[in-house]
Amino acid sequence: MTAQFDMFADDAPTVIRRSRSDGRATPVMTEDDMVRHLQETGRYRILMKLQPRPVVQLPDSAFPLRGVIIDTETTGLSSRKDEIIEIGAVAFSFDATGTIGAVTDVYGGLRQPSRPIPADITRLTGITEAMVAGQVIDFDRLEALVTPADLIIAHNAGFDRPFCEALSPIFADKAWACSVSEVDWHARGFEGTKLGYLIGQAGYFHDGHRAVDDCFALLEVLDSNGQDQAGSAFAELYAASQRSRVRIFAENSPFDLKDHLKGRGYRWSDGSDGRPKAWWTEVADADLKDELCWLRSEIYRYEASPPMKRLTAFDRFKG
């Protein structure tokens, strides 16, 4: 007696069939049964291919807010000299508690840059010169999708926002949130923050490094609840976006204490972007007093008053 599992059947449910002595096949397991059986052995981990959510033409009025997930593929890391070669955007509805409703619009577009795409970018993204030749972004479509947004989300908004604002002014006056820095993924049972890892640990796989695919992948991860979590990752992200933060510049800090600042998470600004030339960090309002105490006792060793700037989602993550 032989057994066969048709992993590529288009008709659901997929079954395992065993040949009987009379030559006829008898269904034994559905695909769901097989997945459950493998998982129950404790020796297998099953990943399901992520399917993009359908676009709903008439959103439920119970979800009056609009979010847009943005992803970009670029020719390099600098928004001042590199360019977007692909942008993806997935719009969705949500409510004031951060509960996601439905996908309301999708846009993806390629763009021919002014200079050739570096070979390492093509290897990473799969985007070739032939694919972008003559391609331009449909700004009317993109503006129609972005304009109603109450919040724009990017997985590393500090990277995507400057590129998007260099591309079009429609992004400049929007509230932005970062799904890397404003979600405590560790508390949700994840051991990393890269999108490929998050989607894999959530039980999916997808075609990564293409903009719209990555947007849909991030939507699924944000709509999931972590271990011992009362709400979704998006609910946590939305709540974080409503809170202001304070950027502190440790101006005139002693050079020999730069490793102390670095170890505490401070980053260096060379002053070329209009910020003070100094090590800087961002803290929540509730942590401001403790951070100033640390600076005064461990770095300055006097009652210094370093420059500070209060930030909201409308001006965070700008270049």
C-alpha atoms as a PDB file:
ATOM      1  CA  MET A   1       0.000   0.000   0.000  1.00  0.00           C
ATOM      2  CA  THR A   2       1.476   3.418  -0.984  1.00  0.00           C
ATOM      3  CA  ALA A   3       0.732   6.964   0.180  1.00  0.00           C
ATOM      4  CA  GLN A   4       0.896  10.235  -1.733  1.00  0.00           C
ATOM      5  CA  PHE A   5       0.412  13.862  -0.630  1.00  0.00           C
ATOM      6  CA  ASP A   6      -0.424  16.251  -3.463  1.00  0.00           C
ATOM      7  CA  MET A   7       1.183  19.487  -2.254  1.00  0.00           C
ATOM      8  CA  PHE A   8       0.387  21.350  -5.460  1.00  0.00           C
ATOM      9  CA  ALA A   9      -3.297  20.647  -5.911  1.00  0.00           C
ATOM     10  CA  ASP A  10      -5.412  23.711  -6.698  1.00  0.00           C
ATOM     11  CA  ASP A  11      -8.627  22.222  -5.367  1.00  0.00           C
ATOM     12  CA  ALA A  12      -9.266  22.389  -1.627  1.00  0.00           C
ATOM     13  CA  PRO A  13      -9.057  20.420   0.486  1.00  0.00           C
ATOM     14  CA  THR A  14      -5.792  18.768  -0.500  1.00  0.00           C
ATOM     15  CA  VAL A  15      -5.766  15.128   0.564  1.00  0.00           C
ATOM     16  CA  ILE A  16      -3.421  12.245   1.177  1.00  0.00           C
ATOM     17  CA  ARG A  17      -4.554   9.254  -0.833  1.00  0.00           C
ATOM     18  CA  ARG A  18      -3.674   5.623  -0.318  1.00  0.00           C
ATOM     19  CA  SER A  19      -3.993   3.023  -3.034  1.00  0.00           C
ATOM     20  CA  ARG A  20      -6.377   0.249  -2.033  1.00  0.00           C
ATOM     21  CA  SER A  21      -6.052  -3.332  -3.149  1.00  0.00           C
ATOM     22  CA  ASP A  22      -8.742  -2.697  -5.757  1.00  0.00           C
ATOM     23  CA  GLY A  23      -6.730   0.182  -7.219  1.00  0.00           C
ATOM     24  CA  ARG A  24      -9.037   2.967  -6.037  1.00  0.00           C
ATOM     25  CA  ALA A  25      -7.780   5.878  -3.913  1.00  0.00           C
ATOM     26  CA  THR A  26      -9.232   6.586  -0.487  1.00  0.00           C
ATOM     27  CA  PRO A  27      -8.992  10.093   1.058  1.00  0.00           C
ATOM     28  CA  VAL A  28      -7.239   9.967   4.397  1.00  0.00           C
ATOM     29  CA  MET A  29      -6.276  13.513   5.479  1.00  0.00           C
ATOM     30  CA  THR A  30      -7.181  17.030   4.463  1.00  0.00           C
ATOM     31  CA  GLU A  31      -4.431  19.602   4.203  1.00  0.00           C
ATOM     32  CA  ASP A  32      -5.534  21.094   7.535  1.00  0.00           C
ATOM     33  CA  ASP A  33      -5.312  17.659   9.119  1.00  0.00           C
ATOM     34  CA  MET A  34      -1.792  17.217   7.789  1.00  0.00           C
ATOM     35  CA  VAL A  35      -0.679  20.626   9.120  1.00  0.00           C
ATOM     36  CA  ARG A  36      -2.195  19.896  12.521  1.00  0.00           C
ATOM     37  CA  HIS A  37      -0.615  16.440  12.632  1.00  0.00           C
ATOM     38  CA  LEU A  38       2.856  17.769  11.790  1.00  0.00           C
ATOM     39  CA  GLN A  39       2.595  20.558  14.370  1.00  0.00           C
ATOM     40  CA  GLU A  40       1.449  18.170  17.088  1.00  0.00           C
ATOM     41  CA  THR A  41       4.591  16.066  16.673  1.00  0.00           C
ATOM     42  CA  GLY A  42       6.630  19.023  17.917  1.00  0.00           C
ATOM     43  CA  ARG A  43       9.217  18.359  15.200  1.00  0.00           C
ATOM     44  CA  TYR A  44       7.889  20.692  12.530  1.00  0.00           C
ATOM     45  CA  ARG A  45       7.117  24.349  12.117  1.00  0.00           C
ATOM     46  CA  ILE A  46       4.620  25.215   9.396  1.00  0.00           C
ATOM     47  CA  LEU A  47       4.731  28.500   7.475  1.00  0.00           C
ATOM     48  CA  MET A  48       1.783  29.561   5.341  1.00  0.00           C
ATOM     49  CA  LYS A  49       2.199  31.742   2.272  1.00  0.00           C
ATOM     50  CA  LEU A  50       0.821  35.173   3.060  1.00  0.00           C
ATOM     51  CA  GLN A  51      -2.157  36.137   0.913  1.00  0.00           C
ATOM     52  CA  PRO A  52      -2.787  39.888   0.441  1.00  0.00           C
ATOM     53  CA  ARG A  53      -6.057  41.044   1.925  1.00  0.00           C
ATOM     54  CA  PRO A  54      -8.771  42.075  -0.547  1.00  0.00           C
ATOM     55  CA  VAL A  55      -9.553  45.745  -1.100  1.00  0.00           C
ATOM     56  CA  VAL A  56     -12.938  46.786   0.285  1.00  0.00           C
ATOM     57  CA  GLN A  57     -14.751  49.433  -1.735  1.00  0.00           C
ATOM     58  CA  LEU A  58     -17.142  50.536   1.044  1.00  0.00           C
ATOM     59  CA  PRO A  59     -15.298  50.517   4.407  1.00  0.00           C
ATOM     60  CA  ASP A  60     -17.243  49.862   7.611  1.00  0.00           C
ATOM     61  CA  SER A  61     -18.122  53.145   9.334  1.00  0.00           C
ATOM     62  CA  ALA A  62     -17.103  51.558  12.649  1.00  0.00           C
ATOM     63  CA  PHE A  63     -13.480  52.080  11.509  1.00  0.00           C
ATOM     64  CA  PRO A  64     -13.372  55.812  10.649  1.00  0.00           C
ATOM     65  CA  LEU A  65      -9.593  56.363  10.743  1.00  0.00           C
ATOM     66  CA  ARG A  66      -7.190  55.728   7.882  1.00  0.00           C
ATOM     67  CA  GLY A  67      -3.697  54.312   8.044  1.00  0.00           C
ATOM     68  CA  VAL A  68      -1.202  53.864   5.213  1.00  0.00           C
ATOM     69  CA  ILE A  69       1.702  51.444   5.301  1.00  0.00           C
ATOM     70  CA  ILE A  70       4.567  52.679   3.115  1.00  0.00           C
ATOM     71  CA  ASP A  71       7.595  50.792   1.863  1.00  0.00           C
ATOM     72  CA  THR A  72      10.301  52.016  -0.470  1.00  0.00           C
ATOM     73  CA  GLU A  73      13.094  50.421  -2.450  1.00  0.00           C
ATOM     74  CA  THR A  74      15.945  52.840  -3.163  1.00  0.00           C
ATOM     75  CA  THR A  75      19.286  53.103  -4.928  1.00  0.00           C
ATOM     76  CA  GLY A  76      21.097  53.526  -1.600  1.00  0.00           C
ATOM     77  CA  LEU A  77      20.880  54.687   2.001  1.00  0.00           C
ATOM     78  CA  SER A  78      21.103  58.487   1.675  1.00  0.00           C
ATOM     79  CA  SER A  79      17.914  60.428   0.969  1.00  0.00           C
ATOM     80  CA  ARG A  80      20.072  63.363  -0.134  1.00  0.00           C
ATOM     81  CA  LYS A  81      21.831  61.591  -2.998  1.00  0.00           C
ATOM     82  CA  ASP A  82      19.954  58.322  -3.582  1.00  0.00           C
ATOM     83  CA  GLU A  83      16.503  57.858  -5.098  1.00  0.00           C
ATOM     84  CA  ILE A  84      13.354  55.786  -4.761  1.00  0.00           C
ATOM     85  CA  ILE A  85      13.020  53.139  -7.467  1.00  0.00           C
ATOM     86  CA  GLU A  86       9.853  51.541  -6.110  1.00  0.00           C
ATOM     87  CA  ILE A  87       7.169  52.596  -3.670  1.00  0.00           C
ATOM     88  CA  GLY A  88       4.371  50.515  -2.232  1.00  0.00           C
ATOM     89  CA  ALA A  89       1.400  51.730  -0.207  1.00  0.00           C
ATOM     90  CA  VAL A  90      -1.430  49.833   1.461  1.00  0.00           C
ATOM     91  CA  ALA A  91      -4.252  51.907   2.974  1.00  0.00           C
ATOM     92  CA  PHE A  92      -6.479  50.456   5.670  1.00  0.00           C
ATOM     93  CA  SER A  93      -9.187  51.540   8.089  1.00  0.00           C
ATOM     94  CA  PHE A  94      -8.959  51.418  11.884  1.00  0.00           C
ATOM     95  CA  ASP A  95     -10.675  52.782  14.965  1.00  0.00           C
ATOM     96  CA  ALA A  96      -9.573  54.828  17.975  1.00  0.00           C
ATOM     97  CA  THR A  97      -8.563  51.691  19.910  1.00  0.00           C
ATOM     98  CA  GLY A  98      -6.138  50.655  17.170  1.00  0.00           C
ATOM     99  CA  THR A  99      -8.331  47.841  15.855  1.00  0.00           C
ATOM    100  CA  ILE A 100      -7.741  47.308  12.138  1.00  0.00           C
ATOM    101  CA  GLY A 101     -10.727  47.128   9.809  1.00  0.00           C
ATOM    102  CA  ALA A 102     -10.116  46.448   6.109  1.00  0.00           C
ATOM    103  CA  VAL A 103      -7.755  47.317   3.289  1.00  0.00           C
ATOM    104  CA  THR A 104      -9.190  50.289   1.400  1.00  0.00           C
ATOM    105  CA  ASP A 105      -6.624  50.925  -1.342  1.00  0.00           C
ATOM    106  CA  VAL A 106      -3.313  49.667  -2.730  1.00  0.00           C
ATOM    107  CA  TYR A 107      -0.698  51.310  -4.930  1.00  0.00           C
ATOM    108  CA  GLY A 108       2.639  50.110  -6.188  1.00  0.00           C
ATOM    109  CA  GLY A 109       4.855  51.842  -8.693  1.00  0.00           C
ATOM    110  CA  LEU A 110       8.350  51.652 -10.161  1.00  0.00           C
ATOM    111  CA  ARG A 111      10.469  54.688 -11.016  1.00  0.00           C
ATOM    112  CA  GLN A 112      13.462  55.120 -13.284  1.00  0.00           C
ATOM    113  CA  PRO A 113      16.249  56.858 -11.330  1.00  0.00           C
ATOM    114  CA  SER A 114      18.585  59.461 -12.794  1.00  0.00           C
ATOM    115  CA  ARG A 115      21.558  57.127 -12.432  1.00  0.00           C
ATOM    116  CA  PRO A 116      21.995  53.345 -12.938  1.00  0.00           C
ATOM    117  CA  ILE A 117      20.824  51.042 -10.152  1.00  0.00           C
ATOM    118  CA  PRO A 118      23.829  49.661  -8.234  1.00  0.00           C
ATOM    119  CA  ALA A 119      24.382  45.932  -8.710  1.00  0.00           C
ATOM    120  CA  ASP A 120      24.034  45.208  -4.991  1.00  0.00           C
ATOM    121  CA  ILE A 121      20.605  46.890  -4.959  1.00  0.00           C
ATOM    122  CA  THR A 122      19.462  44.724  -7.860  1.00  0.00           C
ATOM    123  CA  ARG A 123      20.693  41.629  -6.021  1.00  0.00           C
ATOM    124  CA  LEU A 124      18.812  42.694  -2.883  1.00  0.00           C
ATOM    125  CA  THR A 125      15.530  43.823  -4.450  1.00  0.00           C
ATOM    126  CA  GLY A 126      15.398  41.996  -7.764  1.00  0.00           C
ATOM    127  CA  ILE A 127      14.695  45.338  -9.482  1.00  0.00           C
ATOM    128  CA  THR A 128      16.629  45.666 -12.748  1.00  0.00           C
ATOM    129  CA  GLU A 129      17.323  48.521 -15.150  1.00  0.00           C
ATOM    130  CA  ALA A 130      14.939  46.930 -17.644  1.00  0.00           C
ATOM    131  CA  MET A 131      12.109  46.916 -15.078  1.00  0.00           C
ATOM    132  CA  VAL A 132      12.361  50.641 -14.322  1.00  0.00           C
ATOM    133  CA  ALA A 133      13.104  51.857 -17.842  1.00  0.00           C
ATOM    134  CA  GLY A 134      10.594  54.606 -18.647  1.00  0.00           C
ATOM    135  CA  GLN A 135       8.660  54.036 -15.412  1.00  0.00           C
ATOM    136  CA  VAL A 136       7.215  56.953 -13.435  1.00  0.00           C
ATOM    137  CA  ILE A 137       5.160  57.064 -10.263  1.00  0.00           C
ATOM    138  CA  ASP A 138       1.498  57.946 -10.648  1.00  0.00           C
ATOM    139  CA  PHE A 139       1.393  60.849  -8.200  1.00  0.00           C
ATOM    140  CA  ASP A 140      -2.329  61.387  -8.652  1.00  0.00           C
ATOM    141  CA  ARG A 141      -2.994  57.821  -7.475  1.00  0.00           C
ATOM    142  CA  LEU A 142      -0.477  58.107  -4.670  1.00  0.00           C
ATOM    143  CA  GLU A 143      -1.853  61.442  -3.484  1.00  0.00           C
ATOM    144  CA  ALA A 144      -5.427  60.099  -3.498  1.00  0.00           C
ATOM    145  CA  LEU A 145      -4.282  57.256  -1.250  1.00  0.00           C
ATOM    146  CA  VAL A 146      -2.076  59.295   1.111  1.00  0.00           C
ATOM    147  CA  THR A 147      -4.160  62.462   1.545  1.00  0.00           C
ATOM    148  CA  PRO A 148      -6.888  60.899   3.765  1.00  0.00           C
ATOM    149  CA  ALA A 149      -4.310  59.174   6.008  1.00  0.00           C
ATOM    150  CA  ASP A 150      -4.412  59.886   9.740  1.00  0.00           C
ATOM    151  CA  LEU A 151      -1.172  57.939  10.213  1.00  0.00           C
ATOM    152  CA  ILE A 152       1.592  56.703   7.917  1.00  0.00           C
ATOM    153  CA  ILE A 153       3.504  53.632   9.073  1.00  0.00           C
ATOM    154  CA  ALA A 154       6.897  52.451   7.878  1.00  0.00           C
ATOM    155  CA  HIS A 155       9.131  49.654   9.119  1.00  0.00           C
ATOM    156  CA  ASN A 156      12.030  52.019   9.881  1.00  0.00           C
ATOM    157  CA  ALA A 157      10.363  55.390   9.385  1.00  0.00           C
ATOM    158  CA  GLY A 158      13.681  57.169   9.935  1.00  0.00           C
ATOM    159  CA  PHE A 159      14.724  55.711   6.566  1.00  0.00           C
ATOM    160  CA  ASP A 160      11.484  55.879   4.567  1.00  0.00           C
ATOM    161  CA  ARG A 161      10.161  59.284   5.637  1.00  0.00           C
ATOM    162  CA  PRO A 162      13.098  61.381   4.317  1.00  0.00           C
ATOM    163  CA  PHE A 163      12.987  59.507   0.994  1.00  0.00           C
ATOM    164  CA  CYS A 164       9.212  59.982   0.708  1.00  0.00           C
ATOM    165  CA  GLU A 165       9.417  63.692   1.529  1.00  0.00           C
ATOM    166  CA  ALA A 166      12.153  64.111  -1.084  1.00  0.00           C
ATOM    167  CA  LEU A 167       9.853  62.370  -3.555  1.00  0.00           C
ATOM    168  CA  SER A 168       6.703  64.415  -2.896  1.00  0.00           C
ATOM    169  CA  PRO A 169       5.395  67.091  -0.499  1.00  0.00           C
ATOM    170  CA  ILE A 170       2.253  65.014   0.155  1.00  0.00           C
ATOM    171  CA  PHE A 171       4.180  63.175   2.874  1.00  0.00           C
ATOM    172  CA  ALA A 172       5.555  66.214   4.716  1.00  0.00           C
ATOM    173  CA  ASP A 173       2.637  67.207   6.946  1.00  0.00           C
ATOM    174  CA  LYS A 174       1.502  63.726   7.912  1.00  0.00           C
ATOM    175  CA  ALA A 175       1.805  61.917  11.236  1.00  0.00           C
ATOM    176  CA  TRP A 176       4.319  59.059  10.952  1.00  0.00           C
ATOM    177  CA  ALA A 177       4.902  55.994  13.095  1.00  0.00           C
ATOM    178  CA  CYS A 178       7.781  53.515  13.079  1.00  0.00           C
ATOM    179  CA  SER A 179       6.939  49.835  13.505  1.00  0.00           C
ATOM    180  CA  VAL A 180      10.560  49.069  14.429  1.00  0.00           C
ATOM    181  CA  SER A 181      11.102  51.529  17.271  1.00  0.00           C
ATOM    182  CA  GLU A 182       7.547  52.051  18.554  1.00  0.00           C
ATOM    183  CA  VAL A 183       6.540  48.424  19.126  1.00  0.00           C
ATOM    184  CA  ASP A 184       8.101  46.296  21.873  1.00  0.00           C
ATOM    185  CA  TRP A 185       8.556  43.198  19.741  1.00  0.00           C
ATOM    186  CA  HIS A 186      10.598  41.446  22.414  1.00  0.00           C
ATOM    187  CA  ALA A 187       7.683  41.675  24.861  1.00  0.00           C
ATOM    188  CA  ARG A 188       5.506  40.161  22.143  1.00  0.00           C
ATOM    189  CA  GLY A 189       7.699  37.069  21.919  1.00  0.00           C
ATOM    190  CA  PHE A 190       9.836  38.064  18.943  1.00  0.00           C
ATOM    191  CA  GLU A 191      13.616  37.883  19.055  1.00  0.00           C
ATOM    192  CA  GLY A 192      14.299  40.423  16.322  1.00  0.00           C
ATOM    193  CA  THR A 193      12.748  43.347  14.472  1.00  0.00           C
ATOM    194  CA  LYS A 194      13.553  42.673  10.801  1.00  0.00           C
ATOM    195  CA  LEU A 195      10.368  42.226   8.802  1.00  0.00           C
ATOM    196  CA  GLY A 196      11.394  38.875   7.343  1.00  0.00           C
ATOM    197  CA  TYR A 197      11.947  37.510  10.822  1.00  0.00           C
ATOM    198  CA  LEU A 198       8.714  38.957  12.214  1.00  0.00           C
ATOM    199  CA  ILE A 199       6.602  37.527   9.409  1.00  0.00           C
ATOM    200  CA  GLY A 200       8.297  34.143   9.727  1.00  0.00           C
ATOM    201  CA  GLN A 201       7.765  33.917  13.462  1.00  0.00           C
ATOM    202  CA  ALA A 202       4.143  34.945  12.939  1.00  0.00           C
ATOM    203  CA  GLY A 203       3.718  31.809  10.829  1.00  0.00           C
ATOM    204  CA  TYR A 204       3.953  33.189   7.293  1.00  0.00           C
ATOM    205  CA  PHE A 205       6.360  33.558   4.409  1.00  0.00           C
ATOM    206  CA  HIS A 206       6.143  36.063   1.563  1.00  0.00           C
ATOM    207  CA  ASP A 207       7.979  37.459  -1.451  1.00  0.00           C
ATOM    208  CA  GLY A 208      10.193  39.922   0.386  1.00  0.00           C
ATOM    209  CA  HIS A 209      12.003  43.050  -0.835  1.00  0.00           C
ATOM    210  CA  ARG A 210       9.195  44.155  -3.145  1.00  0.00           C
ATOM    211  CA  ALA A 211       7.377  47.159  -1.805  1.00  0.00           C
ATOM    212  CA  VAL A 212       3.682  46.175  -1.896  1.00  0.00           C
ATOM    213  CA  ASP A 213       4.443  42.633  -0.695  1.00  0.00           C
ATOM    214  CA  ASP A 214       6.333  44.033   2.284  1.00  0.00           C
ATOM    215  CA  CYS A 215       3.434  46.393   3.072  1.00  0.00           C
ATOM    216  CA  PHE A 216       0.963  43.515   3.209  1.00  0.00           C
ATOM    217  CA  ALA A 217       3.398  41.476   5.299  1.00  0.00           C
ATOM    218  CA  LEU A 218       3.753  44.292   7.821  1.00  0.00           C
ATOM    219  CA  LEU A 219      -0.033  44.685   8.004  1.00  0.00           C
ATOM    220  CA  GLU A 220      -0.416  41.036   9.041  1.00  0.00           C
ATOM    221  CA  VAL A 221       2.271  41.288  11.706  1.00  0.00           C
ATOM    222  CA  LEU A 222       0.805  44.511  13.101  1.00  0.00           C
ATOM    223  CA  ASP A 223      -2.664  42.955  13.280  1.00  0.00           C
ATOM    224  CA  SER A 224      -1.428  40.057  15.415  1.00  0.00           C
ATOM    225  CA  ASN A 225      -1.486  39.762  19.198  1.00  0.00           C
ATOM    226  CA  GLY A 226       1.691  38.719  20.980  1.00  0.00           C
ATOM    227  CA  GLN A 227       2.051  36.413  23.934  1.00  0.00           C
ATOM    228  CA  ASP A 228       0.426  37.820  27.084  1.00  0.00           C
ATOM    229  CA  GLN A 229      -0.568  40.978  25.151  1.00  0.00           C
ATOM    230  CA  ALA A 230      -3.966  42.616  25.576  1.00  0.00           C
ATOM    231  CA  GLY A 231      -3.986  44.237  22.138  1.00  0.00           C
ATOM    232  CA  SER A 232      -2.419  44.040  18.724  1.00  0.00           C
ATOM    233  CA  ALA A 233       0.968  45.390  17.748  1.00  0.00           C
ATOM    234  CA  PHE A 234      -0.807  48.087  15.761  1.00  0.00           C
ATOM    235  CA  ALA A 235      -2.804  49.172  18.822  1.00  0.00           C
ATOM    236  CA  GLU A 236       0.517  49.588  20.660  1.00  0.00           C
ATOM    237  CA  LEU A 237       2.006  51.465  17.707  1.00  0.00           C
ATOM    238  CA  TYR A 238      -0.974  53.800  17.378  1.00  0.00           C
ATOM    239  CA  ALA A 239      -0.925  54.589  21.096  1.00  0.00           C
ATOM    240  CA  ALA A 240       2.804  55.346  20.910  1.00  0.00           C
ATOM    241  CA  SER A 241       2.247  57.683  17.971  1.00  0.00           C
ATOM    242  CA  GLN A 242      -0.158  59.770  20.079  1.00  0.00           C
ATOM    243  CA  ARG A 243       2.508  60.518  22.697  1.00  0.00           C
ATOM    244  CA  SER A 244       5.054  63.291  22.312  1.00  0.00           C
ATOM    245  CA  ARG A 245       8.752  62.669  22.880  1.00  0.00           C
ATOM    246  CA  VAL A 246      11.699  64.903  23.668  1.00  0.00           C
ATOM    247  CA  ARG A 247      14.924  64.975  21.690  1.00  0.00           C
ATOM    248  CA  ILE A 248      17.915  65.902  23.847  1.00  0.00           C
ATOM    249  CA  PHE A 249      21.192  67.116  22.356  1.00  0.00           C
ATOM    250  CA  ALA A 250      24.205  66.517  24.593  1.00  0.00           C
ATOM    251  CA  GLU A 251      25.919  69.583  23.178  1.00  0.00           C
ATOM    252  CA  ASN A 252      29.493  70.309  24.327  1.00  0.00           C
ATOM    253  CA  SER A 253      29.775  66.925  26.023  1.00  0.00           C
ATOM    254  CA  PRO A 254      33.362  65.816  26.794  1.00  0.00           C
ATOM    255  CA  PHE A 255      34.923  63.881  23.923  1.00  0.00           C
ATOM    256  CA  ASP A 256      36.348  61.191  26.209  1.00  0.00           C
ATOM    257  CA  LEU A 257      32.825  60.310  27.374  1.00  0.00           C
ATOM    258  CA  LYS A 258      31.420  59.642  23.888  1.00  0.00           C
ATOM    259  CA  ASP A 259      31.415  55.881  24.523  1.00  0.00           C
ATOM    260  CA  HIS A 260      29.212  56.413  27.584  1.00  0.00           C
ATOM    261  CA  LEU A 261      26.723  58.301  25.426  1.00  0.00           C
ATOM    262  CA  LYS A 262      26.929  55.727  22.669  1.00  0.00           C
ATOM    263  CA  GLY A 263      26.359  52.916  25.138  1.00  0.00           C
ATOM    264  CA  ARG A 264      23.207  54.605  26.376  1.00  0.00           C
ATOM    265  CA  GLY A 265      21.801  54.811  22.854  1.00  0.00           C
ATOM    266  CA  TYR A 266      22.819  58.331  21.850  1.00  0.00           C
ATOM    267  CA  ARG A 267      23.507  58.947  18.159  1.00  0.00           C
ATOM    268  CA  TRP A 268      25.831  61.462  16.533  1.00  0.00           C
ATOM    269  CA  SER A 269      24.599  64.434  14.493  1.00  0.00           C
ATOM    270  CA  ASP A 270      27.256  66.187  12.452  1.00  0.00           C
ATOM    271  CA  GLY A 271      25.169  69.348  12.200  1.00  0.00           C
ATOM    272  CA  SER A 272      24.704  69.119   8.425  1.00  0.00           C
ATOM    273  CA  ASP A 273      20.935  68.689   8.723  1.00  0.00           C
ATOM    274  CA  GLY A 274      20.364  71.838  10.795  1.00  0.00           C
ATOM    275  CA  ARG A 275      20.468  70.056  14.154  1.00  0.00           C
ATOM    276  CA  PRO A 276      23.106  70.909  16.761  1.00  0.00           C
ATOM    277  CA  LYS A 277      26.435  69.172  16.235  1.00  0.00           C
ATOM    278  CA  ALA A 278      26.155  66.806  19.165  1.00  0.00           C
ATOM    279  CA  TRP A 279      25.229  63.379  20.463  1.00  0.00           C
ATOM    280  CA  TRP A 280      21.446  63.093  20.790  1.00  0.00           C
ATOM    281  CA  THR A 281      18.684  60.788  21.952  1.00  0.00           C
ATOM    282  CA  GLU A 282      14.896  60.738  22.220  1.00  0.00           C
ATOM    283  CA  VAL A 283      12.994  59.944  25.394  1.00  0.00           C
ATOM    284  CA  ALA A 284       9.368  59.868  26.479  1.00  0.00           C
ATOM    285  CA  ASP A 285       8.073  62.775  28.534  1.00  0.00           C
ATOM    286  CA  ALA A 286       7.954  60.547  31.599  1.00  0.00           C
ATOM    287  CA  ASP A 287      11.672  59.716  31.243  1.00  0.00           C
ATOM    288  CA  LEU A 288      12.926  63.255  30.632  1.00  0.00           C
ATOM    289  CA  LYS A 289      13.771  64.065  34.253  1.00  0.00           C
ATOM    290  CA  ASP A 290      15.779  60.852  34.724  1.00  0.00           C
ATOM    291  CA  GLU A 291      17.669  61.382  31.474  1.00  0.00           C
ATOM    292  CA  LEU A 292      18.660  64.925  32.423  1.00  0.00           C
ATOM    293  CA  CYS A 293      19.804  63.699  35.817  1.00  0.00           C
ATOM    294  CA  TRP A 294      21.970  61.067  34.116  1.00  0.00           C
ATOM    295  CA  LEU A 295      23.500  63.614  31.748  1.00  0.00           C
ATOM    296  CA  ARG A 296      24.273  66.056  34.544  1.00  0.00           C
ATOM    297  CA  SER A 297      25.805  63.455  36.849  1.00  0.00           C
ATOM    298  CA  GLU A 298      27.575  61.165  34.355  1.00  0.00           C
ATOM    299  CA  ILE A 299      28.490  63.447  31.434  1.00  0.00           C
ATOM    300  CA  TYR A 300      28.520  67.135  32.304  1.00  0.00           C
ATOM    301  CA  ARG A 301      28.983  66.849  36.079  1.00  0.00           C
ATOM    302  CA  TYR A 302      27.291  70.202  36.557  1.00  0.00           C
ATOM    303  CA  GLU A 303      23.743  71.585  36.181  1.00  0.00           C
ATOM    304  CA  ALA A 304      23.827  71.767  32.406  1.00  0.00           C
ATOM    305  CA  SER A 305      20.775  72.655  30.321  1.00  0.00           C
ATOM    306  CA  PRO A 306      21.263  70.835  27.003  1.00  0.00           C
ATOM    307  CA  PRO A 307      19.165  71.896  23.978  1.00  0.00           C
ATOM    308  CA  MET A 308      15.882  70.007  23.678  1.00  0.00           C
ATOM    309  CA  LYS A 309      13.120  69.717  21.114  1.00  0.00           C
ATOM    310  CA  ARG A 310       9.632  68.321  21.730  1.00  0.00           C
ATOM    311  CA  LEU A 311       8.460  66.052  18.927  1.00  0.00           C
ATOM    312  CA  THR A 312       5.126  64.598  17.863  1.00  0.00           C
ATOM    313  CA  ALA A 313       4.311  62.087  15.141  1.00  0.00           C
ATOM    314  CA  PHE A 314       4.094  65.009  12.711  1.00  0.00           C
ATOM    315  CA  ASP A 315       7.787  65.888  13.004  1.00  0.00           C
ATOM    316  CA  ARG A 316       9.440  62.672  14.182  1.00  0.00           C
ATOM    317  CA  PHE A 317      11.558  60.626  11.751  1.00  0.00           C
ATOM    318  CA  LYS A 318      12.249  63.568   9.452  1.00  0.00           C
ATOM    319  CA  GLY A 319      15.635  63.651   7.810  1.00  0.00           C
END
